[in-house]
């Protein structure tokens, strides 16, 4: 007999129930909280599950609870304003959203930004990747009751963001033509010093994930096959944890990655079994590689002078045409399809977000998973609800 199960993943204190107006969940609902620092706490994901003898036999993912119509809002905001909107759909990695819009606009304009802006953008992209990965790795620290070090490093990273941009979470520094602020020599040296701590934390988290206590709960859980990855368009750490060699920083280099890939971004996963443990190990290993990339960028920027932006008019209009730009966001491939009619607002702007593909794959991934393994399976996939409901 198949037993229905209604699951909400998140925090009722911070989210809005998708199927009820009041603050109480429907009768028979199970609330999963993946930890106080996990991104799921900022919004609810609704799952409808059917179980048989303790195993999940069918899954339906219900999205739309946080849909804010961001893609339609893009069409009534000018190109200086839409960067702010793009900053907010993946709140774990806001700079990645800003960057994607700026790259699309620059490609349509045929605009080349200053060299220093390119390297500072590369640094900030990896700084953001570290912050995002730590948000999901906080689940490991929470499970092992060792969340202090992870939280402390995240706060230091946010302090660095604040020192550069004036904002701790949403930097809003990237725009068409470059960046709104430059990094001082002191800031770059502080960033390089912080990366030493990040690399040490990466080693510690990797050892904890591969240790017996966490391994017994994650090894062999929710294996993600190459066929499911292909069918749903899964990318990023989730795909790389299954041995799929897909990383746009290396395979289709942009920003400064073309000069960095040989030394840091060689594809050599420690684990590629496709299970939850492998996905967590990829996150930990990528912390170390991102720290190395940031250190390389700081070295380059300390020797490089010049502006970080091209001066543009108060009103930016893109020429008629269309373009598609993709980059490697922390959770996987992010894309922007931009159509311009020569106005100060886009005629159409469509986003391809990695969270949507990751969550869509749950309908196949969770089949066969034990109910008591659901928590670790979900935490290992990586998604931000705002990145799903655009």
Protein backbone atom coordinates (compact mmCIF):
# COMPACT_ATOMS: atom_id res chain seq x y z
CA UNK A 1 0.00 0.00 0.00
CA UNK A 2 1.30 3.45 -0.95
CA UNK A 3 1.03 5.99 1.88
CA UNK A 4 0.87 9.71 0.98
CA UNK A 5 3.20 12.09 2.81
CA UNK A 6 3.18 15.90 2.60
CA UNK A 7 6.57 17.48 3.34
CA UNK A 8 7.54 21.13 3.73
CA UNK A 9 11.27 21.82 3.72
CA UNK A 10 12.15 25.08 5.43
CA UNK A 11 11.23 27.13 8.47
CA UNK A 12 7.62 28.04 9.23
CA UNK A 13 8.90 30.99 11.19
CA UNK A 14 10.42 32.59 8.09
CA UNK A 15 8.45 31.27 5.14
CA UNK A 16 4.84 31.38 3.93
CA UNK A 17 2.92 28.16 3.67
CA UNK A 18 2.16 27.42 0.01
CA UNK A 19 -1.09 25.64 0.75
CA UNK A 20 -2.44 27.50 3.76
CA UNK A 21 -3.03 31.12 4.70
CA UNK A 22 -2.67 30.63 8.46
CA UNK A 23 0.59 29.86 10.26
CA UNK A 24 -0.23 26.20 10.89
CA UNK A 25 0.62 23.51 8.32
CA UNK A 26 -2.13 21.25 6.99
CA UNK A 27 -2.88 18.15 9.05
CA UNK A 28 -0.50 15.31 8.24
CA UNK A 29 2.28 17.64 7.11
CA UNK A 30 5.90 16.92 8.03
CA UNK A 31 8.25 19.90 8.38
CA UNK A 32 11.94 19.25 7.69
CA UNK A 33 14.39 21.83 9.00
CA UNK A 34 17.86 21.30 7.53
CA UNK A 35 19.56 23.48 10.12
CA UNK A 36 19.52 27.12 11.21
CA UNK A 37 22.10 28.23 8.59
CA UNK A 38 20.86 26.12 5.68
CA UNK A 39 19.40 28.09 2.72
CA UNK A 40 16.11 26.20 3.01
CA UNK A 41 15.33 28.32 6.08
CA UNK A 42 14.67 31.35 3.88
CA UNK A 43 11.79 29.76 1.95
CA UNK A 44 9.65 26.66 1.77
CA UNK A 45 9.81 23.81 -0.73
CA UNK A 46 6.71 21.65 -0.90
CA UNK A 47 6.98 17.92 -1.67
CA UNK A 48 4.20 15.38 -2.11
CA UNK A 49 5.55 11.91 -1.45
CA UNK A 50 4.14 8.43 -1.56
CA UNK A 51 5.85 5.75 0.49
CA UNK A 52 5.77 1.97 0.58
CA UNK A 53 7.40 0.01 3.40
CA UNK A 54 9.46 3.02 4.43
CA UNK A 55 10.73 3.78 0.91
CA UNK A 56 9.67 6.71 -1.27
CA UNK A 57 7.86 5.31 -4.30
CA UNK A 58 6.72 8.54 -5.96
CA UNK A 59 7.54 12.25 -5.66
CA UNK A 60 5.83 15.42 -6.82
CA UNK A 61 7.58 18.77 -6.37
CA UNK A 62 5.27 21.76 -5.94
CA UNK A 63 6.89 25.07 -6.92
CA UNK A 64 5.50 28.56 -7.20
CA UNK A 65 5.13 29.49 -3.53
CA UNK A 66 7.61 32.37 -3.83
CA UNK A 67 7.01 33.33 -7.45
CA UNK A 68 7.58 37.07 -7.74
CA UNK A 69 7.45 37.43 -11.51
CA UNK A 70 11.07 38.62 -11.64
CA UNK A 71 11.41 37.96 -15.37
CA UNK A 72 8.42 40.19 -16.13
CA UNK A 73 9.70 42.86 -13.74
CA UNK A 74 12.95 42.92 -15.74
CA UNK A 75 10.95 44.12 -18.73
CA UNK A 76 9.75 47.29 -16.96
CA UNK A 77 13.06 48.22 -15.30
CA UNK A 78 16.00 49.88 -17.01
CA UNK A 79 19.38 48.17 -17.26
CA UNK A 80 20.70 49.91 -14.17
CA UNK A 81 17.76 48.69 -12.10
CA UNK A 82 17.52 45.06 -13.20
CA UNK A 83 20.90 44.26 -11.65
CA UNK A 84 19.25 44.72 -8.27
CA UNK A 85 16.49 42.23 -9.18
CA UNK A 86 19.00 39.72 -10.54
CA UNK A 87 20.91 40.04 -7.27
CA UNK A 88 17.99 38.57 -5.34
CA UNK A 89 16.78 35.34 -6.89
CA UNK A 90 19.70 33.25 -5.54
CA UNK A 91 20.33 34.97 -2.23
CA UNK A 92 23.19 32.56 -1.47
CA UNK A 93 25.09 33.88 -4.50
CA UNK A 94 23.76 37.35 -5.36
CA UNK A 95 26.88 38.50 -7.22
CA UNK A 96 26.44 35.63 -9.69
CA UNK A 97 23.06 37.07 -10.72
CA UNK A 98 24.42 40.59 -11.14
CA UNK A 99 27.34 39.32 -13.19
CA UNK A 100 25.16 37.32 -15.58
CA UNK A 101 23.04 40.36 -16.49
CA UNK A 102 26.10 42.56 -16.94
CA UNK A 103 27.80 40.02 -19.21
CA UNK A 104 24.67 39.72 -21.36
CA UNK A 105 24.36 43.49 -21.76
CA UNK A 106 28.06 43.88 -22.57
CA UNK A 107 27.91 41.11 -25.15
CA UNK A 108 25.01 42.79 -26.95
CA UNK A 109 26.80 46.15 -26.81
CA UNK A 110 30.11 44.66 -27.94
CA UNK A 111 31.63 46.35 -24.89
CA UNK A 112 34.95 45.28 -23.39
CA UNK A 113 35.42 46.14 -19.73
CA UNK A 114 38.79 47.20 -18.25
CA UNK A 115 41.24 44.41 -17.40
CA UNK A 116 41.20 45.22 -13.70
CA UNK A 117 37.40 44.92 -13.68
CA UNK A 118 37.66 41.46 -15.26
CA UNK A 119 40.01 40.20 -12.56
CA UNK A 120 38.05 41.75 -9.71
CA UNK A 121 34.86 40.21 -11.10
CA UNK A 122 36.61 36.81 -11.18
CA UNK A 123 37.68 37.24 -7.58
CA UNK A 124 34.16 38.20 -6.48
CA UNK A 125 32.62 35.29 -8.39
CA UNK A 126 34.80 32.85 -6.43
CA UNK A 127 34.30 34.73 -3.15
CA UNK A 128 30.57 34.27 -3.76
CA UNK A 129 31.03 30.57 -4.61
CA UNK A 130 32.72 30.01 -1.24
CA UNK A 131 29.88 31.75 0.60
CA UNK A 132 27.27 29.72 -1.28
CA UNK A 133 29.01 26.38 -0.74
CA UNK A 134 29.43 27.09 2.97
CA UNK A 135 25.70 27.73 3.19
CA UNK A 136 25.02 24.15 2.12
CA UNK A 137 27.96 22.64 3.99
CA UNK A 138 26.52 24.16 7.16
CA UNK A 139 24.21 21.12 7.13
CA UNK A 140 27.25 18.91 7.75
CA UNK A 141 28.50 21.11 10.55
CA UNK A 142 25.02 21.22 12.08
CA UNK A 143 24.66 17.42 11.94
CA UNK A 144 28.07 16.93 13.57
CA UNK A 145 27.48 19.71 16.11
CA UNK A 146 30.53 21.65 14.86
CA UNK A 147 28.94 24.68 13.24
CA UNK A 148 31.06 27.33 14.98
CA UNK A 149 34.02 27.39 12.56
CA UNK A 150 31.82 27.36 9.44
CA UNK A 151 29.65 30.20 10.72
CA UNK A 152 32.72 32.24 11.72
CA UNK A 153 34.28 31.99 8.25
CA UNK A 154 30.99 32.93 6.57
CA UNK A 155 30.80 36.03 8.76
CA UNK A 156 34.34 37.04 7.84
CA UNK A 157 33.49 36.63 4.15
CA UNK A 158 30.42 38.80 4.59
CA UNK A 159 32.48 41.40 6.43
CA UNK A 160 34.78 41.50 3.41
CA UNK A 161 31.78 41.98 1.12
CA UNK A 162 30.60 44.81 3.36
CA UNK A 163 34.01 46.50 3.36
CA UNK A 164 34.13 46.51 -0.44
CA UNK A 165 30.51 47.19 -1.40
CA UNK A 166 28.73 48.60 1.65
CA UNK A 167 26.43 45.56 1.82
CA UNK A 168 26.96 42.28 3.66
CA UNK A 169 24.63 40.04 1.63
CA UNK A 170 23.63 41.76 -1.63
CA UNK A 171 26.72 43.51 -3.02
CA UNK A 172 25.01 45.32 -5.96
CA UNK A 173 28.46 46.21 -7.30
CA UNK A 174 28.35 44.76 -10.81
CA UNK A 175 26.81 46.67 -13.70
CA UNK A 176 27.09 46.93 -17.47
CA UNK A 177 30.55 48.35 -18.11
CA UNK A 178 32.31 47.03 -15.01
CA UNK A 179 32.05 47.56 -11.26
CA UNK A 180 30.82 50.34 -9.00
CA UNK A 181 33.80 50.15 -6.61
CA UNK A 182 37.44 49.13 -6.65
CA UNK A 183 39.31 47.07 -4.08
CA UNK A 184 42.08 48.73 -2.06
CA UNK A 185 45.46 47.12 -1.46
CA UNK A 186 44.55 46.49 2.19
CA UNK A 187 41.28 44.83 1.18
CA UNK A 188 43.08 42.52 -1.26
CA UNK A 189 45.63 41.51 1.36
CA UNK A 190 42.88 40.81 3.90
CA UNK A 191 41.09 38.69 1.28
CA UNK A 192 44.25 36.70 0.54
CA UNK A 193 44.77 36.07 4.25
CA UNK A 194 41.17 34.93 4.65
CA UNK A 195 41.64 32.39 1.84
CA UNK A 196 44.25 30.59 3.98
CA UNK A 197 41.52 30.05 6.59
CA UNK A 198 39.04 28.93 3.92
CA UNK A 199 41.49 26.31 2.61
CA UNK A 200 42.01 24.98 6.14
CA UNK A 201 38.25 24.80 6.69
CA UNK A 202 37.85 22.93 3.39
CA UNK A 203 40.27 20.26 4.63
CA UNK A 204 38.45 19.97 7.95
CA UNK A 205 35.01 19.68 6.33
CA UNK A 206 36.29 17.13 3.81
CA UNK A 207 37.64 14.98 6.64
CA UNK A 208 34.35 15.25 8.54
CA UNK A 209 32.29 14.32 5.48
CA UNK A 210 34.55 11.31 4.86
CA UNK A 211 34.55 10.38 8.54
CA UNK A 212 32.56 7.44 9.90
CA UNK A 213 29.89 9.51 11.68
CA UNK A 214 28.69 11.41 8.63
CA UNK A 215 29.51 8.69 6.10
CA UNK A 216 27.06 6.25 7.67
CA UNK A 217 24.20 8.69 7.01
CA UNK A 218 25.21 9.85 3.51
CA UNK A 219 27.12 7.13 1.65
CA UNK A 220 24.96 5.42 -0.97
CA UNK A 221 22.03 7.80 -0.34
CA UNK A 222 20.07 9.16 -3.34
CA UNK A 223 22.48 8.28 -6.18
CA UNK A 224 22.16 10.64 -9.14
CA UNK A 225 22.67 8.85 -12.45
CA UNK A 226 24.04 10.33 -15.66
CA UNK A 227 20.70 9.69 -17.36
CA UNK A 228 18.80 11.74 -14.75
CA UNK A 229 21.41 14.50 -14.99
CA UNK A 230 20.92 14.63 -18.76
CA UNK A 231 17.12 14.41 -18.61
CA UNK A 232 16.71 17.27 -16.13
CA UNK A 233 19.70 19.43 -17.04
CA UNK A 234 21.39 19.08 -13.65
CA UNK A 235 24.78 20.78 -13.51
CA UNK A 236 27.29 22.17 -11.04
CA UNK A 237 28.52 20.27 -7.97
CA UNK A 238 25.55 17.88 -8.12
CA UNK A 239 26.56 16.69 -11.60
CA UNK A 240 30.27 16.69 -10.84
CA UNK A 241 29.57 14.46 -7.82
CA UNK A 242 28.36 11.85 -10.31
CA UNK A 243 31.51 12.07 -12.42
CA UNK A 244 30.04 14.35 -15.12
CA UNK A 245 32.84 16.60 -16.35
CA UNK A 246 30.92 19.87 -16.75
CA UNK A 247 32.33 23.22 -15.61
CA UNK A 248 31.99 26.28 -17.85
CA UNK A 249 34.89 28.00 -16.12
CA UNK A 250 37.15 25.42 -17.75
CA UNK A 251 35.22 24.20 -20.78
CA UNK A 252 34.08 27.65 -22.01
CA UNK A 253 36.27 30.11 -20.08
CA UNK A 254 35.04 33.64 -19.40
CA UNK A 255 36.33 36.47 -17.17
CA UNK A 256 39.88 35.53 -16.11
CA UNK A 257 39.33 31.77 -15.95
CA UNK A 258 41.14 31.09 -19.22
CA UNK A 259 44.41 32.02 -17.53
CA UNK A 260 43.66 30.12 -14.33
CA UNK A 261 42.15 26.80 -15.34
CA UNK A 262 45.32 24.75 -15.84
CA UNK A 263 46.60 25.21 -12.31
CA UNK A 264 43.38 25.15 -10.29
CA UNK A 265 40.36 23.87 -12.22
CA UNK A 266 41.58 20.51 -13.47
CA UNK A 267 38.73 18.03 -13.18
CA UNK A 268 39.83 15.55 -10.51
CA UNK A 269 36.92 14.73 -8.18
CA UNK A 270 37.76 12.95 -4.95
CA UNK A 271 34.42 11.13 -5.13
CA UNK A 272 32.14 10.49 -8.09
CA UNK A 273 29.74 7.85 -6.82
CA UNK A 274 26.81 10.20 -7.35
CA UNK A 275 25.46 9.77 -3.83
CA UNK A 276 24.85 12.38 -1.14
CA UNK A 277 28.31 11.95 0.35
CA UNK A 278 29.96 12.55 -3.03
CA UNK A 279 27.99 15.77 -3.53
CA UNK A 280 29.05 17.08 -0.12
CA UNK A 281 32.68 16.15 -0.85
CA UNK A 282 32.56 18.10 -4.12
CA UNK A 283 31.38 21.18 -2.22
CA UNK A 284 34.24 20.81 0.26
CA UNK A 285 36.85 20.28 -2.47
CA UNK A 286 35.56 23.27 -4.42
CA UNK A 287 36.05 25.48 -1.37
CA UNK A 288 39.77 24.79 -1.65
CA UNK A 289 39.88 25.37 -5.42
CA UNK A 290 37.93 28.64 -5.08
CA UNK A 291 40.29 29.81 -2.34
CA UNK A 292 43.22 29.14 -4.68
CA UNK A 293 41.48 31.04 -7.48
CA UNK A 294 40.83 34.04 -5.24
CA UNK A 295 44.48 34.03 -4.14
CA UNK A 296 45.60 34.03 -7.78
CA UNK A 297 43.27 36.96 -8.49
CA UNK A 298 44.57 38.96 -5.52
CA UNK A 299 48.15 38.47 -6.75
CA UNK A 300 47.17 39.72 -10.20
CA UNK A 301 45.21 42.70 -8.86
CA UNK A 302 48.01 43.81 -6.52
CA UNK A 303 50.21 44.24 -9.60
CA UNK A 304 47.50 45.70 -11.85
CA UNK A 305 46.32 49.29 -12.01
CA UNK A 306 43.64 51.06 -13.98
CA UNK A 307 39.89 51.72 -13.89
CA UNK A 308 37.22 49.15 -13.05
CA UNK A 309 34.45 50.55 -15.24
CA UNK A 310 33.70 52.11 -18.61
CA UNK A 311 31.85 55.39 -18.21
CA UNK A 312 28.38 55.12 -19.74
CA UNK A 313 25.53 57.58 -20.01
CA UNK A 314 22.90 57.94 -17.31
CA UNK A 315 20.48 55.96 -19.48
CA UNK A 316 21.84 52.77 -21.04
CA UNK A 317 20.15 51.50 -24.19
CA UNK A 318 21.18 48.25 -25.83
CA UNK A 319 21.05 47.88 -29.62
CA UNK A 320 18.35 45.77 -31.25
CA UNK A 321 19.16 42.09 -31.17
CA UNK A 322 19.28 39.07 -28.92
CA UNK A 323 21.97 37.21 -27.01
CA UNK A 324 22.40 34.26 -24.68
CA UNK A 325 25.10 34.17 -22.01
CA UNK A 326 25.86 31.28 -19.68
CA UNK A 327 28.27 31.03 -16.77
CA UNK A 328 29.13 28.69 -13.93
CA UNK A 329 27.15 29.89 -10.93
CA UNK A 330 27.86 28.17 -7.58
CA UNK A 331 24.96 25.70 -8.03
CA UNK A 332 25.58 25.06 -11.74
CA UNK A 333 25.01 26.55 -15.17
CA UNK A 334 23.11 29.84 -15.13
CA UNK A 335 21.92 31.44 -18.35
CA UNK A 336 20.37 34.68 -19.55
CA UNK A 337 18.48 35.08 -22.83
CA UNK A 338 18.14 38.78 -23.56
CA UNK A 339 16.12 40.34 -26.39
CA UNK A 340 16.46 44.09 -27.01
CA UNK A 341 14.34 46.38 -29.17
CA UNK A 342 16.77 49.27 -28.73
CA UNK A 343 15.05 50.65 -25.61
CA UNK A 344 16.30 51.30 -22.09
CA UNK A 345 14.48 48.17 -20.87
CA UNK A 346 14.70 44.59 -22.18
CA UNK A 347 11.93 43.46 -24.50
CA UNK A 348 12.40 39.97 -23.04
CA UNK A 349 14.75 38.56 -20.42
CA UNK A 350 14.62 34.88 -19.54
CA UNK A 351 16.76 33.16 -16.92
CA UNK A 352 18.05 29.60 -16.80
CA UNK A 353 18.66 28.86 -13.11
CA UNK A 354 20.44 25.77 -11.75
CA UNK A 355 18.13 25.42 -8.74
CA UNK A 356 15.15 24.73 -11.00
CA UNK A 357 16.88 21.78 -12.67
CA UNK A 358 18.20 20.43 -9.36
CA UNK A 359 14.78 20.50 -7.74
CA UNK A 360 13.02 19.08 -10.81
CA UNK A 361 15.34 16.06 -10.66
CA UNK A 362 14.06 15.23 -7.15
CA UNK A 363 11.05 13.52 -8.73
CA UNK A 364 13.42 10.82 -10.00
CA UNK A 365 16.20 11.11 -7.44
CA UNK A 366 14.07 10.49 -4.34
CA UNK A 367 12.40 7.32 -5.61
CA UNK A 368 13.81 4.44 -3.58
CA UNK A 369 15.19 6.68 -0.82
CA UNK A 370 14.28 5.73 2.73
CA UNK A 371 12.09 8.28 4.49
CA UNK A 372 14.68 8.67 7.25
CA UNK A 373 17.29 9.54 4.57
CA UNK A 374 15.17 12.31 3.03
CA UNK A 375 16.85 15.04 5.06
CA UNK A 376 20.39 14.30 3.90
CA UNK A 377 19.26 13.64 0.31
CA UNK A 378 17.61 17.06 0.03
CA UNK A 379 20.45 18.91 1.75
CA UNK A 380 22.98 17.40 -0.66
CA UNK A 381 21.33 18.61 -3.89
CA UNK A 382 21.67 22.35 -3.48
CA UNK A 383 18.86 24.75 -4.29
CA UNK A 384 17.57 28.20 -3.30
CA UNK A 385 13.80 28.64 -3.50
CA UNK A 386 14.01 32.12 -5.04
CA UNK A 387 16.21 30.63 -7.76
CA UNK A 388 13.39 28.19 -8.61
CA UNK A 389 10.40 30.57 -8.61
CA UNK A 390 11.45 33.35 -10.94
